[in-house]
Amino acid sequence: MYFTDRGLEELADRRGEEQVTLAWLADQMQAFVDQHPEFEVPVERLATWLARGGTEDEED
């Protein structure tokens, strides 16, 4: 099991019954990057991947 898997399992266990909007998720991701700017690039990549429906298309 990867370290990330444990975090995702905790998220599902603690918050799995909640319904959230994508706007809420974007706000949470921005707040995380504000607190941890070293993760800006991976968070941006995840946000772009989600926005494109999970495709690998990249526009550089």
N, C-alpha and C. Protein backbone atom coordinates (compact mmCIF):
# COMPACT_ATOMS: atom_id res chain seq x y z
N MET A 1 0.85 -1.18 0.00
CA MET A 1 0.00 0.00 0.00
C MET A 1 0.89 1.23 0.00
N TYR A 2 0.55 2.15 -0.87
CA TYR A 2 1.28 3.41 -0.93
C TYR A 2 0.82 4.33 0.19
N PHE A 3 1.69 5.25 0.58
CA PHE A 3 1.35 6.23 1.60
C PHE A 3 0.10 7.01 1.19
N THR A 4 0.00 7.35 -0.09
CA THR A 4 -1.16 8.10 -0.59
C THR A 4 -2.45 7.33 -0.36
N ASP A 5 -2.39 6.01 -0.53
CA ASP A 5 -3.58 5.18 -0.34
C ASP A 5 -4.14 5.33 1.07
N ARG A 6 -3.28 5.43 2.05
CA ARG A 6 -3.75 5.59 3.43
C ARG A 6 -4.49 6.91 3.60
N GLY A 7 -3.99 7.96 2.98
CA GLY A 7 -4.66 9.26 3.05
C GLY A 7 -6.01 9.22 2.36
N LEU A 8 -6.07 8.55 1.22
CA LEU A 8 -7.34 8.45 0.49
C LEU A 8 -8.33 7.59 1.27
N GLU A 9 -7.85 6.53 1.90
CA GLU A 9 -8.74 5.71 2.72
C GLU A 9 -9.27 6.50 3.91
N GLU A 10 -8.41 7.30 4.53
CA GLU A 10 -8.86 8.13 5.65
C GLU A 10 -9.90 9.13 5.20
N LEU A 11 -9.68 9.73 4.03
CA LEU A 11 -10.66 10.67 3.48
C LEU A 11 -12.01 9.98 3.28
N ALA A 12 -11.99 8.82 2.68
CA ALA A 12 -13.24 8.08 2.44
C ALA A 12 -13.90 7.68 3.75
N ASP A 13 -13.11 7.24 4.72
CA ASP A 13 -13.67 6.83 6.02
C ASP A 13 -14.28 8.00 6.77
N ARG A 14 -13.58 9.13 6.78
CA ARG A 14 -14.04 10.28 7.57
C ARG A 14 -15.11 11.11 6.87
N ARG A 15 -15.02 11.24 5.54
CA ARG A 15 -15.88 12.18 4.84
C ARG A 15 -16.68 11.54 3.71
N GLY A 16 -16.62 10.21 3.61
CA GLY A 16 -17.19 9.50 2.48
C GLY A 16 -18.68 9.65 2.27
N GLU A 17 -19.42 9.99 3.30
CA GLU A 17 -20.87 10.14 3.17
C GLU A 17 -21.29 11.55 2.77
N GLU A 18 -20.33 12.50 2.80
CA GLU A 18 -20.64 13.89 2.49
C GLU A 18 -20.74 14.09 0.98
N GLN A 19 -21.54 15.06 0.59
CA GLN A 19 -21.57 15.50 -0.79
C GLN A 19 -20.99 16.90 -0.83
N VAL A 20 -20.10 17.12 -1.78
CA VAL A 20 -19.45 18.42 -1.91
C VAL A 20 -19.54 18.89 -3.35
N THR A 21 -19.37 20.18 -3.52
CA THR A 21 -19.34 20.74 -4.87
C THR A 21 -17.89 20.81 -5.35
N LEU A 22 -17.74 20.93 -6.64
CA LEU A 22 -16.39 21.12 -7.17
C LEU A 22 -15.83 22.47 -6.75
N ALA A 23 -16.69 23.45 -6.56
CA ALA A 23 -16.22 24.76 -6.08
C ALA A 23 -15.63 24.62 -4.67
N TRP A 24 -16.28 23.83 -3.82
CA TRP A 24 -15.75 23.60 -2.47
C TRP A 24 -14.40 22.90 -2.56
N LEU A 25 -14.30 21.88 -3.42
CA LEU A 25 -13.04 21.15 -3.59
C LEU A 25 -11.95 22.09 -4.08
N ALA A 26 -12.26 22.93 -5.05
CA ALA A 26 -11.27 23.89 -5.55
C ALA A 26 -10.81 24.84 -4.45
N ASP A 27 -11.73 25.29 -3.62
CA ASP A 27 -11.37 26.16 -2.49
C ASP A 27 -10.45 25.44 -1.51
N GLN A 28 -10.75 24.19 -1.23
CA GLN A 28 -9.92 23.41 -0.31
C GLN A 28 -8.52 23.18 -0.88
N MET A 29 -8.47 22.90 -2.18
CA MET A 29 -7.17 22.70 -2.83
C MET A 29 -6.36 23.99 -2.82
N GLN A 30 -7.02 25.13 -3.05
CA GLN A 30 -6.32 26.42 -3.01
C GLN A 30 -5.81 26.71 -1.61
N ALA A 31 -6.63 26.44 -0.60
CA ALA A 31 -6.20 26.65 0.79
C ALA A 31 -5.00 25.78 1.12
N PHE A 32 -4.99 24.54 0.62
CA PHE A 32 -3.86 23.65 0.85
C PHE A 32 -2.59 24.21 0.21
N VAL A 33 -2.71 24.67 -1.03
CA VAL A 33 -1.54 25.24 -1.72
C VAL A 33 -1.07 26.52 -1.02
N ASP A 34 -2.00 27.30 -0.51
CA ASP A 34 -1.61 28.51 0.23
C ASP A 34 -0.77 28.15 1.45
N GLN A 35 -1.11 27.05 2.11
CA GLN A 35 -0.36 26.61 3.29
C GLN A 35 0.89 25.82 2.94
N HIS A 36 0.89 25.18 1.77
CA HIS A 36 1.99 24.32 1.35
C HIS A 36 2.36 24.63 -0.10
N PRO A 37 2.98 25.77 -0.35
CA PRO A 37 3.25 26.19 -1.73
C PRO A 37 4.15 25.22 -2.51
N GLU A 38 4.89 24.40 -1.82
CA GLU A 38 5.75 23.43 -2.51
C GLU A 38 4.94 22.37 -3.27
N PHE A 39 3.64 22.28 -2.98
CA PHE A 39 2.77 21.32 -3.66
C PHE A 39 1.93 21.96 -4.77
N GLU A 40 2.26 23.19 -5.14
CA GLU A 40 1.46 23.90 -6.15
C GLU A 40 1.40 23.13 -7.47
N VAL A 41 2.53 22.64 -7.95
CA VAL A 41 2.56 21.97 -9.25
C VAL A 41 1.73 20.68 -9.23
N PRO A 42 1.92 19.77 -8.26
CA PRO A 42 1.09 18.56 -8.28
C PRO A 42 -0.40 18.84 -8.10
N VAL A 43 -0.75 19.81 -7.27
CA VAL A 43 -2.16 20.15 -7.08
C VAL A 43 -2.73 20.73 -8.37
N GLU A 44 -1.97 21.57 -9.03
CA GLU A 44 -2.40 22.13 -10.31
C GLU A 44 -2.60 21.03 -11.35
N ARG A 45 -1.69 20.06 -11.38
CA ARG A 45 -1.83 18.93 -12.31
C ARG A 45 -3.08 18.12 -12.01
N LEU A 46 -3.33 17.86 -10.74
CA LEU A 46 -4.54 17.12 -10.36
C LEU A 46 -5.79 17.90 -10.75
N ALA A 47 -5.82 19.18 -10.46
CA ALA A 47 -6.99 20.01 -10.81
C ALA A 47 -7.23 20.00 -12.31
N THR A 48 -6.17 20.11 -13.10
CA THR A 48 -6.30 20.09 -14.55
C THR A 48 -6.79 18.74 -15.03
N TRP A 49 -6.26 17.67 -14.46
CA TRP A 49 -6.67 16.31 -14.81
C TRP A 49 -8.15 16.10 -14.50
N LEU A 50 -8.59 16.57 -13.34
CA LEU A 50 -10.00 16.46 -12.98
C LEU A 50 -10.87 17.30 -13.90
N ALA A 51 -10.43 18.51 -14.22
CA ALA A 51 -11.20 19.40 -15.09
C ALA A 51 -11.39 18.81 -16.48
N ARG A 52 -10.41 18.05 -16.93
CA ARG A 52 -10.47 17.45 -18.27
C ARG A 52 -11.10 16.07 -18.27
N GLY A 53 -11.70 15.69 -17.15
CA GLY A 53 -12.39 14.41 -17.08
C GLY A 53 -11.48 13.21 -16.98
N GLY A 54 -10.29 13.40 -16.44
CA GLY A 54 -9.37 12.29 -16.25
C GLY A 54 -8.59 11.91 -17.49
N THR A 55 -8.51 12.80 -18.46
CA THR A 55 -7.71 12.51 -19.64
C THR A 55 -6.29 12.98 -19.45
N GLU A 56 -5.41 12.46 -20.25
CA GLU A 56 -3.99 12.81 -20.15
C GLU A 56 -3.59 13.95 -21.06
N ASP A 57 -4.57 14.59 -21.72
CA ASP A 57 -4.25 15.69 -22.63
C ASP A 57 -3.54 16.80 -21.87
N GLU A 58 -2.41 17.23 -22.43
CA GLU A 58 -1.67 18.34 -21.82
C GLU A 58 -1.49 19.43 -22.84
N GLU A 59 -1.73 20.65 -22.41
CA GLU A 59 -1.48 21.81 -23.26
C GLU A 59 -0.40 22.63 -22.61
N ASP A 60 0.82 22.48 -23.10
CA ASP A 60 1.95 23.21 -22.50
C ASP A 60 2.19 24.49 -23.20
